[in-house]
Protein backbone atom coordinates (compact mmCIF):
# COMPACT_ATOMS: atom_id res chain seq x y z
CA MET A 1 0.00 0.00 0.00
CA GLN A 2 1.33 3.42 -1.01
CA ASN A 3 0.47 6.92 0.20
CA ILE A 4 -0.60 8.95 -2.83
CA LEU A 5 -1.69 12.59 -3.04
CA ILE A 6 -4.01 13.60 -5.87
CA ILE A 7 -4.45 17.33 -6.32
CA GLY A 8 -7.81 17.90 -7.99
CA ALA A 9 -9.40 14.59 -7.01
CA SER A 10 -12.88 16.04 -7.51
CA GLY A 11 -12.35 16.55 -11.25
CA GLY A 12 -12.93 14.08 -14.05
CA ILE A 13 -9.45 12.61 -14.46
CA GLY A 14 -8.37 13.19 -10.85
CA ASN A 15 -11.45 11.47 -9.45
CA THR A 16 -11.10 8.50 -11.78
CA LEU A 17 -7.43 8.19 -10.82
CA ALA A 18 -8.26 8.37 -7.10
CA ASN A 19 -10.87 5.64 -7.42
CA THR A 20 -8.56 3.48 -9.55
CA LEU A 21 -5.69 3.65 -7.06
CA HIS A 22 -7.98 3.22 -4.06
CA ALA A 23 -9.41 0.08 -5.63
CA GLU A 24 -5.85 -1.23 -5.95
CA GLY A 25 -5.41 -0.86 -2.19
CA HIS A 26 -3.48 2.39 -1.97
CA ARG A 27 -4.07 5.09 0.64
CA ILE A 28 -5.38 8.13 -1.20
CA PHE A 29 -5.27 11.75 -0.06
CA GLY A 30 -7.45 13.75 -2.42
CA THR A 31 -7.99 17.49 -2.62
CA TYR A 32 -10.83 19.61 -3.93
CA HIS A 33 -11.27 23.33 -4.45
CA ARG A 34 -14.90 23.94 -5.37
CA ASN A 35 -16.48 20.54 -5.95
CA LYS A 36 -16.45 18.90 -2.53
CA MET A 37 -16.91 15.14 -2.51
CA SER A 38 -18.06 12.82 0.25
CA THR A 39 -15.21 10.93 1.89
CA THR A 40 -17.59 8.12 2.87
CA ALA A 41 -18.83 7.44 -0.64
CA ASN A 42 -15.35 7.19 -2.12
CA GLY A 43 -13.51 5.46 0.71
CA PHE A 44 -10.64 7.93 0.78
CA THR A 45 -10.10 11.25 2.48
CA MET A 46 -10.77 14.55 0.72
CA HIS A 47 -9.28 17.85 1.87
CA HIS A 48 -9.94 21.39 0.75
CA LEU A 49 -6.92 22.97 -0.93
CA ASP A 50 -6.51 26.13 -2.97
CA VAL A 51 -3.29 25.85 -4.96
CA LEU A 52 -3.43 29.59 -5.62
CA ASP A 53 -2.71 30.27 -1.93
CA GLU A 54 0.80 31.52 -1.28
CA ASN A 55 1.44 28.59 1.08
CA PRO A 56 -1.07 25.77 0.46
CA ASP A 57 -1.81 23.86 3.68
CA LEU A 58 -0.54 20.28 3.28
CA GLY A 59 -0.61 19.46 6.97
CA PHE A 60 -3.04 16.59 6.40
CA LEU A 61 -0.36 14.47 4.72
CA PRO A 62 1.65 11.65 6.33
CA ASP A 63 5.40 11.83 6.87
CA SER A 64 6.09 9.74 3.78
CA LEU A 65 4.52 10.21 0.35
CA ASP A 66 4.98 7.64 -2.41
CA GLY A 67 3.14 9.43 -5.18
CA LEU A 68 1.84 12.82 -6.24
CA ALA A 69 -0.44 13.62 -9.19
CA TYR A 70 -1.24 17.22 -10.04
CA CYS A 71 -4.53 17.24 -11.96
CA PRO A 72 -6.00 20.80 -11.92
CA GLY A 73 -6.62 22.19 -15.37
CA SER A 74 -8.50 24.68 -17.47
CA ILE A 75 -9.63 24.96 -21.07
CA VAL A 76 -9.73 28.53 -22.36
CA LEU A 77 -9.82 28.61 -26.14
CA LYS A 78 -9.79 32.17 -27.49
CA PRO A 79 -8.16 34.05 -30.34
CA PHE A 80 -4.76 35.36 -29.29
CA THR A 81 -5.85 38.99 -29.68
CA ARG A 82 -8.68 38.50 -27.18
CA LEU A 83 -6.27 37.39 -24.44
CA ASN A 84 -4.42 39.83 -22.22
CA SER A 85 -1.38 39.35 -20.01
CA GLU A 86 -3.51 38.68 -16.93
CA ASP A 87 -5.26 35.81 -18.74
CA PHE A 88 -1.90 34.16 -19.36
CA LEU A 89 -0.74 34.84 -15.79
CA GLU A 90 -3.94 33.44 -14.28
CA ASP A 91 -3.54 30.19 -16.17
CA TYR A 92 0.18 30.02 -15.35
CA ARG A 93 -0.59 30.44 -11.63
CA LEU A 94 -2.97 27.49 -11.70
CA GLN A 95 -1.10 25.15 -14.02
CA VAL A 96 2.55 25.86 -13.22
CA LEU A 97 3.00 27.82 -10.00
CA GLY A 98 0.38 25.67 -8.28
CA ALA A 99 2.30 22.54 -9.24
CA ILE A 100 5.58 24.09 -8.12
CA LYS A 101 4.20 25.07 -4.70
CA VAL A 102 2.68 21.64 -4.10
CA ILE A 103 5.83 19.78 -5.17
CA GLN A 104 8.01 21.99 -2.99
CA GLY A 105 5.61 21.54 -0.08
CA CYS A 106 5.74 17.75 -0.48
CA MET A 107 9.48 17.40 -1.10
CA LYS A 108 10.38 16.28 2.42
CA MET A 109 7.63 13.64 2.34
CA LEU A 110 8.62 12.45 -1.13
CA ARG A 111 12.26 12.12 -0.07
CA ALA A 112 11.13 9.96 2.87
CA ALA A 113 9.55 7.37 0.55
CA ALA A 114 11.40 4.43 -0.98
CA SER A 115 10.67 5.09 -4.67
CA PRO A 116 8.48 8.18 -5.08
CA SER A 117 6.88 9.32 -8.32
CA VAL A 118 5.32 12.60 -9.47
CA VAL A 119 2.91 12.89 -12.41
CA LEU A 120 1.92 16.14 -14.12
CA PHE A 121 -0.53 16.74 -16.96
CA SER A 122 0.17 18.60 -20.19
CA THR A 123 -1.74 18.66 -23.49
CA VAL A 124 -1.17 17.49 -27.05
CA ALA A 125 -1.46 21.16 -28.04
CA VAL A 126 2.11 21.78 -26.83
CA GLN A 127 3.58 19.58 -29.56
CA ARG A 128 0.92 20.24 -32.21
CA GLY A 129 -0.20 23.70 -33.24
CA PHE A 130 -3.93 24.19 -32.71
CA ARG A 131 -5.80 27.45 -33.29
CA PHE A 132 -6.93 29.34 -30.19
CA HIS A 133 -4.74 27.23 -27.86
CA SER A 134 -2.04 29.82 -27.10
CA GLN A 135 -2.97 30.24 -23.43
CA ILE A 136 -3.14 26.58 -22.49
CA ALA A 137 -0.17 25.60 -24.66
CA ALA A 138 2.02 28.25 -23.04
CA SER A 139 1.30 27.01 -19.51
CA LYS A 140 1.44 23.32 -20.31
CA GLY A 141 4.66 23.78 -22.26
CA ALA A 142 6.20 25.19 -19.09
CA LEU A 143 5.03 22.08 -17.22
CA GLU A 144 6.77 19.82 -19.73
CA GLY A 145 10.00 21.72 -19.21
CA LEU A 146 9.53 21.55 -15.45
CA THR A 147 9.00 17.79 -15.66
CA ARG A 148 12.28 17.17 -17.46
CA SER A 149 14.27 19.56 -15.26
CA LEU A 150 13.03 18.05 -12.01
CA ALA A 151 13.53 14.52 -13.34
CA ALA A 152 17.18 15.37 -13.92
CA GLU A 153 17.64 17.20 -10.64
CA TYR A 154 16.11 14.52 -8.43
CA ALA A 155 17.29 11.34 -10.17
CA PRO A 156 17.63 8.66 -9.07
CA LYS A 157 15.51 9.30 -5.96
CA ILE A 158 12.29 10.82 -7.34
CA ARG A 159 10.77 10.13 -10.75
CA PHE A 160 8.92 12.88 -12.65
CA ASN A 161 6.77 12.23 -15.71
CA CYS A 162 4.09 14.08 -17.64
CA ILE A 163 1.01 12.89 -19.53
CA ALA A 164 -0.13 14.84 -22.60
CA PRO A 165 -3.72 13.97 -23.51
CA SER A 166 -5.92 15.10 -26.32
CA LEU A 167 -9.56 16.07 -25.78
CA THR A 168 -11.02 13.97 -22.96
CA ASP A 169 -14.66 13.53 -21.98
CA THR A 170 -14.70 15.32 -18.63
CA PRO A 171 -16.89 18.10 -17.18
CA LEU A 172 -14.11 20.55 -18.06
CA ALA A 173 -14.56 19.71 -21.75
CA SER A 174 -18.36 19.72 -21.73
CA GLY A 175 -18.53 22.86 -23.85
CA LEU A 176 -16.59 21.11 -26.61
CA LEU A 177 -18.60 17.89 -26.46
CA GLY A 178 -22.05 19.21 -25.64
CA THR A 179 -23.84 17.86 -28.71
CA GLU A 180 -23.67 14.66 -30.71
CA GLU A 181 -22.41 16.67 -33.68
CA LYS A 182 -19.53 18.14 -31.67
CA ARG A 183 -18.68 14.75 -30.20
CA ALA A 184 -18.66 13.07 -33.60
CA ALA A 185 -16.55 15.82 -35.17
CA ASN A 186 -13.96 15.70 -32.40
CA ALA A 187 -13.86 11.90 -32.47
CA ASP A 188 -13.25 11.95 -36.21
CA ARG A 189 -10.16 14.19 -35.78
CA HIS A 190 -8.40 11.33 -33.98
CA PRO A 191 -6.93 8.31 -35.78
CA LEU A 192 -8.61 6.04 -33.21
CA LYS A 193 -11.94 7.76 -33.93
CA ARG A 194 -13.03 8.63 -30.43
CA VAL A 195 -12.31 11.22 -27.79
CA GLY A 196 -10.49 10.24 -24.64
CA LYS A 197 -12.10 8.83 -21.52
CA PRO A 198 -10.95 9.66 -17.99
CA GLU A 199 -10.09 5.98 -17.60
CA ASP A 200 -7.54 6.25 -20.44
CA LEU A 201 -5.58 8.92 -18.57
CA ALA A 202 -6.09 7.42 -15.12
CA ALA A 203 -4.66 4.09 -16.26
CA MET A 204 -1.46 5.74 -17.49
CA ALA A 205 -1.14 7.91 -14.38
CA ALA A 206 -1.68 4.92 -12.09
CA PHE A 207 1.03 3.04 -13.99
CA LEU A 208 3.48 5.93 -13.61
CA LEU A 209 2.76 6.36 -9.90
CA THR A 210 3.53 2.75 -8.98
CA GLY A 211 6.60 0.54 -9.02
CA LYS A 212 5.56 -0.96 -12.35
CA SER A 213 7.16 2.06 -14.04
CA ASP A 214 10.27 2.47 -11.91
CA TRP A 215 12.61 2.77 -14.94
CA ILE A 216 10.66 5.64 -16.51
CA SER A 217 11.44 9.27 -15.71
CA GLY A 218 11.61 12.60 -17.51
CA GLN A 219 9.07 11.53 -20.13
CA VAL A 220 6.11 13.26 -21.72
CA LEU A 221 3.77 10.44 -22.66
CA HIS A 222 1.08 11.11 -25.26
CA VAL A 223 -2.25 9.46 -24.49
CA ASP A 224 -4.15 11.11 -27.31
CA GLY A 225 -5.83 8.67 -29.68
CA GLY A 226 -2.85 8.90 -32.02
CA ILE A 227 -3.44 12.54 -32.99
CA SER A 228 0.09 13.68 -32.14
CA SER A 229 1.90 11.19 -34.35
CA ILE A 230 -0.43 9.60 -36.91
CA ASN A 231 -2.02 11.01 -40.07
CA SER A 232 -5.07 9.05 -41.12
């Protein structure tokens, strides 16, 4: 049994990951910001945490932490000229600075574990150019760089990896998948002819957080229906 912290365990991918790891027998510490979840219904503890706080309170964690997944995200798709500097900074605070503060706050606990692992989430839009994705691609690109830098700095003790999904069927993406026409059009863009499911991303994250992946670090893994590498 491992102690695993999931930031954003009330969201689509974070919640699926928390339930997946809990079902495997791990001890899960989940956090929520707005969407509080019952601890009884899920079988693991949920704690309120605002990653935008200057010093997020992580006092609920044990002395040793085997895994950390940072799952908060946002989808703001606008023309570049309709975005201002504060829009970019707001997204950067959530996606990048939030991850940095949590990782720094957990470092002592991660060092205390035998083979700790950290998983971050990017997007396929970093490697592929999509219209109206400048805000999210800028923040997530920084996360990919952070992943590789920390993997180098903390090897061989702590592993850092990043998952880069394409469009996934979560509440966050509801505006892009709200009709059957939108869903069909987005599915058809992918070589595997469907959009992602939370379970697709949770399975990869669970793999990276456990000892089954203990020779993998510094990677950005594309779980994206083939859209980043296949023309069909």
